[in-house]
Amino acid sequence: MRERERLIARIRQLRRVFADADQRGRAATSGPGRDSVRALEARVTHLEQLVEGLQDSVHREAMRLGKRVGQLEVRMQPDALGRALSEDARERGL
């Protein structure tokens, strides 16, 4: 979780840096290479959004799997397993 927060903070910092650079670049005269820089900035912004989406997806999946593992651990406890086997045996008429 800490790693995710650090990564989000780093992305925000990079966005601020790019925004500041973009504002400074607009104040300067625009040259023929400025269009390619803007295209690259747009691409980086798009990639940052994709990374954030991926992070969210990975986090949701990790939480889902963690919950499932926790449920399985509870079910595998000796007393819970014994109760489940006894109940199954009664239902099957064994």
N, C-alpha and C. Protein backbone atom coordinates (compact mmCIF):
# COMPACT_ATOMS: atom_id res chain seq x y z
N MET A 1 0.83 -1.18 0.00
CA MET A 1 0.00 0.00 0.00
C MET A 1 0.88 1.25 0.00
N ARG A 2 1.93 1.20 0.78
CA ARG A 2 2.84 2.36 0.82
C ARG A 2 3.48 2.59 -0.54
N GLU A 3 3.82 1.50 -1.19
CA GLU A 3 4.46 1.62 -2.50
C GLU A 3 3.51 2.29 -3.49
N ARG A 4 2.24 1.93 -3.41
CA ARG A 4 1.24 2.54 -4.30
C ARG A 4 1.12 4.03 -4.03
N GLU A 5 1.10 4.40 -2.77
CA GLU A 5 1.00 5.82 -2.41
C GLU A 5 2.23 6.59 -2.89
N ARG A 6 3.40 5.98 -2.75
CA ARG A 6 4.62 6.64 -3.22
C ARG A 6 4.59 6.82 -4.73
N LEU A 7 4.09 5.82 -5.43
CA LEU A 7 4.02 5.90 -6.88
C LEU A 7 3.02 6.98 -7.31
N ILE A 8 1.91 7.07 -6.64
CA ILE A 8 0.92 8.11 -6.95
C ILE A 8 1.51 9.48 -6.68
N ALA A 9 2.22 9.64 -5.57
CA ALA A 9 2.85 10.92 -5.26
C ALA A 9 3.88 11.28 -6.33
N ARG A 10 4.63 10.29 -6.80
CA ARG A 10 5.63 10.54 -7.85
C ARG A 10 4.96 10.97 -9.16
N ILE A 11 3.86 10.32 -9.49
CA ILE A 11 3.14 10.69 -10.72
C ILE A 11 2.61 12.11 -10.61
N ARG A 12 2.06 12.46 -9.47
CA ARG A 12 1.56 13.82 -9.27
C ARG A 12 2.69 14.84 -9.39
N GLN A 13 3.84 14.50 -8.82
CA GLN A 13 4.99 15.39 -8.89
C GLN A 13 5.41 15.59 -10.36
N LEU A 14 5.45 14.51 -11.11
CA LEU A 14 5.83 14.60 -12.52
C LEU A 14 4.82 15.44 -13.30
N ARG A 15 3.56 15.29 -12.99
CA ARG A 15 2.54 16.11 -13.67
C ARG A 15 2.75 17.59 -13.39
N ARG A 16 3.07 17.90 -12.13
CA ARG A 16 3.32 19.30 -11.79
C ARG A 16 4.52 19.84 -12.56
N VAL A 17 5.57 19.03 -12.63
CA VAL A 17 6.78 19.44 -13.36
C VAL A 17 6.45 19.67 -14.83
N PHE A 18 5.70 18.75 -15.43
CA PHE A 18 5.33 18.91 -16.83
C PHE A 18 4.43 20.12 -17.04
N ALA A 19 3.52 20.35 -16.11
CA ALA A 19 2.63 21.51 -16.23
C ALA A 19 3.43 22.81 -16.14
N ASP A 20 4.37 22.86 -15.19
CA ASP A 20 5.22 24.04 -15.07
C ASP A 20 6.06 24.26 -16.33
N ALA A 21 6.62 23.18 -16.84
CA ALA A 21 7.43 23.28 -18.06
C ALA A 21 6.58 23.73 -19.24
N ASP A 22 5.35 23.23 -19.30
CA ASP A 22 4.46 23.61 -20.38
C ASP A 22 4.12 25.10 -20.31
N GLN A 23 3.88 25.60 -19.10
CA GLN A 23 3.58 27.03 -18.95
C GLN A 23 4.78 27.88 -19.35
N ARG A 24 5.96 27.44 -18.94
CA ARG A 24 7.17 28.19 -19.33
C ARG A 24 7.39 28.13 -20.83
N GLY A 25 7.09 26.99 -21.42
CA GLY A 25 7.26 26.82 -22.87
C GLY A 25 6.29 27.68 -23.65
N ARG A 26 5.11 27.87 -23.15
CA ARG A 26 4.13 28.71 -23.82
C ARG A 26 4.54 30.18 -23.77
N ALA A 27 5.23 30.54 -22.70
CA ALA A 27 5.69 31.92 -22.58
C ALA A 27 6.80 32.19 -23.60
N ALA A 28 7.59 31.18 -23.89
CA ALA A 28 8.67 31.35 -24.88
C ALA A 28 8.07 31.28 -26.28
N THR A 29 8.85 31.69 -27.23
CA THR A 29 8.37 31.63 -28.61
C THR A 29 8.29 30.18 -29.04
N SER A 30 7.24 29.85 -29.75
CA SER A 30 7.09 28.47 -30.18
C SER A 30 7.83 28.26 -31.49
N GLY A 31 8.55 27.19 -31.53
CA GLY A 31 9.33 26.86 -32.72
C GLY A 31 8.73 25.67 -33.42
N PRO A 32 9.35 25.20 -34.50
CA PRO A 32 8.81 24.07 -35.24
C PRO A 32 8.82 22.77 -34.42
N GLY A 33 9.74 22.65 -33.45
CA GLY A 33 9.81 21.44 -32.63
C GLY A 33 8.80 21.42 -31.50
N ARG A 34 8.16 22.54 -31.26
CA ARG A 34 7.23 22.65 -30.14
C ARG A 34 6.02 21.73 -30.32
N ASP A 35 5.57 21.54 -31.55
CA ASP A 35 4.44 20.66 -31.80
C ASP A 35 4.76 19.21 -31.42
N SER A 36 5.97 18.79 -31.72
CA SER A 36 6.35 17.42 -31.37
C SER A 36 6.47 17.27 -29.86
N VAL A 37 6.93 18.32 -29.18
CA VAL A 37 7.03 18.26 -27.72
C VAL A 37 5.63 18.17 -27.12
N ARG A 38 4.70 18.95 -27.66
CA ARG A 38 3.32 18.89 -27.16
C ARG A 38 2.72 17.51 -27.40
N ALA A 39 3.02 16.93 -28.54
CA ALA A 39 2.51 15.59 -28.83
C ALA A 39 3.08 14.58 -27.84
N LEU A 40 4.37 14.73 -27.53
CA LEU A 40 4.99 13.84 -26.55
C LEU A 40 4.39 14.04 -25.16
N GLU A 41 4.13 15.29 -24.80
CA GLU A 41 3.52 15.56 -23.50
C GLU A 41 2.13 14.94 -23.42
N ALA A 42 1.38 15.04 -24.50
CA ALA A 42 0.05 14.44 -24.53
C ALA A 42 0.15 12.93 -24.40
N ARG A 43 1.13 12.35 -25.06
CA ARG A 43 1.33 10.90 -24.98
C ARG A 43 1.72 10.48 -23.57
N VAL A 44 2.60 11.23 -22.93
CA VAL A 44 3.02 10.91 -21.56
C VAL A 44 1.81 11.00 -20.62
N THR A 45 0.99 12.02 -20.80
CA THR A 45 -0.21 12.16 -19.97
C THR A 45 -1.12 10.95 -20.16
N HIS A 46 -1.29 10.54 -21.40
CA HIS A 46 -2.12 9.37 -21.69
C HIS A 46 -1.53 8.12 -21.04
N LEU A 47 -0.23 7.95 -21.15
CA LEU A 47 0.42 6.78 -20.54
C LEU A 47 0.30 6.81 -19.03
N GLU A 48 0.38 7.98 -18.42
CA GLU A 48 0.20 8.09 -16.97
C GLU A 48 -1.19 7.64 -16.57
N GLN A 49 -2.18 8.01 -17.35
CA GLN A 49 -3.55 7.59 -17.05
C GLN A 49 -3.69 6.08 -17.19
N LEU A 50 -3.04 5.51 -18.19
CA LEU A 50 -3.07 4.06 -18.35
C LEU A 50 -2.41 3.36 -17.17
N VAL A 51 -1.29 3.89 -16.71
CA VAL A 51 -0.58 3.30 -15.56
C VAL A 51 -1.47 3.38 -14.32
N GLU A 52 -2.13 4.51 -14.11
CA GLU A 52 -3.01 4.64 -12.95
C GLU A 52 -4.15 3.63 -13.02
N GLY A 53 -4.71 3.45 -14.20
CA GLY A 53 -5.77 2.45 -14.37
C GLY A 53 -5.27 1.05 -14.09
N LEU A 54 -4.07 0.75 -14.56
CA LEU A 54 -3.47 -0.55 -14.30
C LEU A 54 -3.22 -0.75 -12.81
N GLN A 55 -2.73 0.28 -12.16
CA GLN A 55 -2.49 0.18 -10.71
C GLN A 55 -3.79 -0.10 -9.97
N ASP A 56 -4.84 0.60 -10.35
CA ASP A 56 -6.13 0.37 -9.69
C ASP A 56 -6.61 -1.06 -9.92
N SER A 57 -6.45 -1.53 -11.14
CA SER A 57 -6.88 -2.88 -11.47
C SER A 57 -6.08 -3.92 -10.68
N VAL A 58 -4.78 -3.74 -10.61
CA VAL A 58 -3.92 -4.67 -9.86
C VAL A 58 -4.28 -4.63 -8.38
N HIS A 59 -4.54 -3.45 -7.86
CA HIS A 59 -4.91 -3.32 -6.45
C HIS A 59 -6.23 -4.05 -6.17
N ARG A 60 -7.23 -3.84 -7.02
CA ARG A 60 -8.52 -4.51 -6.83
C ARG A 60 -8.35 -6.03 -6.88
N GLU A 61 -7.57 -6.51 -7.83
CA GLU A 61 -7.36 -7.95 -7.96
C GLU A 61 -6.61 -8.50 -6.74
N ALA A 62 -5.62 -7.77 -6.26
CA ALA A 62 -4.87 -8.21 -5.07
C ALA A 62 -5.79 -8.27 -3.85
N MET A 63 -6.65 -7.28 -3.71
CA MET A 63 -7.59 -7.28 -2.59
C MET A 63 -8.57 -8.44 -2.70
N ARG A 64 -9.05 -8.71 -3.91
CA ARG A 64 -9.98 -9.82 -4.12
C ARG A 64 -9.32 -11.16 -3.79
N LEU A 65 -8.11 -11.34 -4.27
CA LEU A 65 -7.39 -12.59 -4.00
C LEU A 65 -7.03 -12.71 -2.52
N GLY A 66 -6.67 -11.61 -1.89
CA GLY A 66 -6.36 -11.63 -0.46
C GLY A 66 -7.57 -12.05 0.36
N LYS A 67 -8.72 -11.53 -0.02
CA LYS A 67 -9.96 -11.90 0.69
C LYS A 67 -10.25 -13.38 0.49
N ARG A 68 -10.07 -13.85 -0.74
CA ARG A 68 -10.34 -15.27 -1.02
C ARG A 68 -9.39 -16.17 -0.25
N VAL A 69 -8.13 -15.82 -0.19
CA VAL A 69 -7.15 -16.62 0.55
C VAL A 69 -7.52 -16.63 2.03
N GLY A 70 -7.94 -15.47 2.55
CA GLY A 70 -8.36 -15.40 3.95
C GLY A 70 -9.54 -16.32 4.23
N GLN A 71 -10.50 -16.34 3.31
CA GLN A 71 -11.66 -17.22 3.48
C GLN A 71 -11.24 -18.69 3.44
N LEU A 72 -10.33 -19.02 2.54
CA LEU A 72 -9.85 -20.41 2.46
C LEU A 72 -9.08 -20.80 3.71
N GLU A 73 -8.30 -19.90 4.26
CA GLU A 73 -7.56 -20.20 5.49
C GLU A 73 -8.51 -20.49 6.64
N VAL A 74 -9.59 -19.72 6.72
CA VAL A 74 -10.57 -19.95 7.78
C VAL A 74 -11.23 -21.31 7.59
N ARG A 75 -11.55 -21.65 6.35
CA ARG A 75 -12.20 -22.93 6.09
C ARG A 75 -11.28 -24.12 6.34
N MET A 76 -9.98 -23.89 6.28
CA MET A 76 -9.02 -24.98 6.46
C MET A 76 -8.60 -25.19 7.92
N GLN A 77 -9.11 -24.37 8.81
CA GLN A 77 -8.83 -24.56 10.23
C GLN A 77 -9.39 -25.93 10.64
N PRO A 78 -8.69 -26.65 11.50
CA PRO A 78 -9.13 -28.02 11.85
C PRO A 78 -10.58 -28.10 12.33
N ASP A 79 -11.00 -27.20 13.20
CA ASP A 79 -12.37 -27.29 13.71
C ASP A 79 -13.39 -27.00 12.61
N ALA A 80 -13.12 -26.02 11.77
CA ALA A 80 -14.04 -25.69 10.68
C ALA A 80 -14.07 -26.81 9.65
N LEU A 81 -12.92 -27.40 9.38
CA LEU A 81 -12.85 -28.50 8.42
C LEU A 81 -13.60 -29.71 8.96
N GLY A 82 -13.45 -29.98 10.24
CA GLY A 82 -14.16 -31.11 10.87
C GLY A 82 -15.66 -30.92 10.80
N ARG A 83 -16.13 -29.70 11.10
CA ARG A 83 -17.58 -29.43 11.02
C ARG A 83 -18.08 -29.61 9.60
N ALA A 84 -17.33 -29.12 8.62
CA ALA A 84 -17.75 -29.23 7.23
C ALA A 84 -17.81 -30.69 6.78
N LEU A 85 -16.83 -31.50 7.21
CA LEU A 85 -16.84 -32.91 6.84
C LEU A 85 -18.01 -33.65 7.50
N SER A 86 -18.28 -33.34 8.75
CA SER A 86 -19.40 -33.97 9.46
C SER A 86 -20.72 -33.59 8.78
N GLU A 87 -20.88 -32.33 8.46
CA GLU A 87 -22.10 -31.88 7.81
C GLU A 87 -22.27 -32.55 6.45
N ASP A 88 -21.19 -32.67 5.70
CA ASP A 88 -21.24 -33.32 4.40
C ASP A 88 -21.62 -34.78 4.54
N ALA A 89 -21.04 -35.44 5.55
CA ALA A 89 -21.35 -36.86 5.78
C ALA A 89 -22.83 -37.03 6.14
N ARG A 90 -23.37 -36.13 6.95
CA ARG A 90 -24.81 -36.23 7.31
C ARG A 90 -25.67 -36.00 6.08
N GLU A 91 -25.31 -35.04 5.23
CA GLU A 91 -26.11 -34.76 4.04
C GLU A 91 -26.10 -35.92 3.06
N ARG A 92 -24.98 -36.62 3.00
CA ARG A 92 -24.87 -37.75 2.07
C ARG A 92 -25.40 -39.04 2.68
N GLY A 93 -25.68 -39.00 3.97
CA GLY A 93 -26.18 -40.19 4.64
C GLY A 93 -25.13 -41.24 4.91
N LEU A 94 -23.89 -40.77 5.13
CA LEU A 94 -22.80 -41.72 5.40
C LEU A 94 -22.70 -42.04 6.86
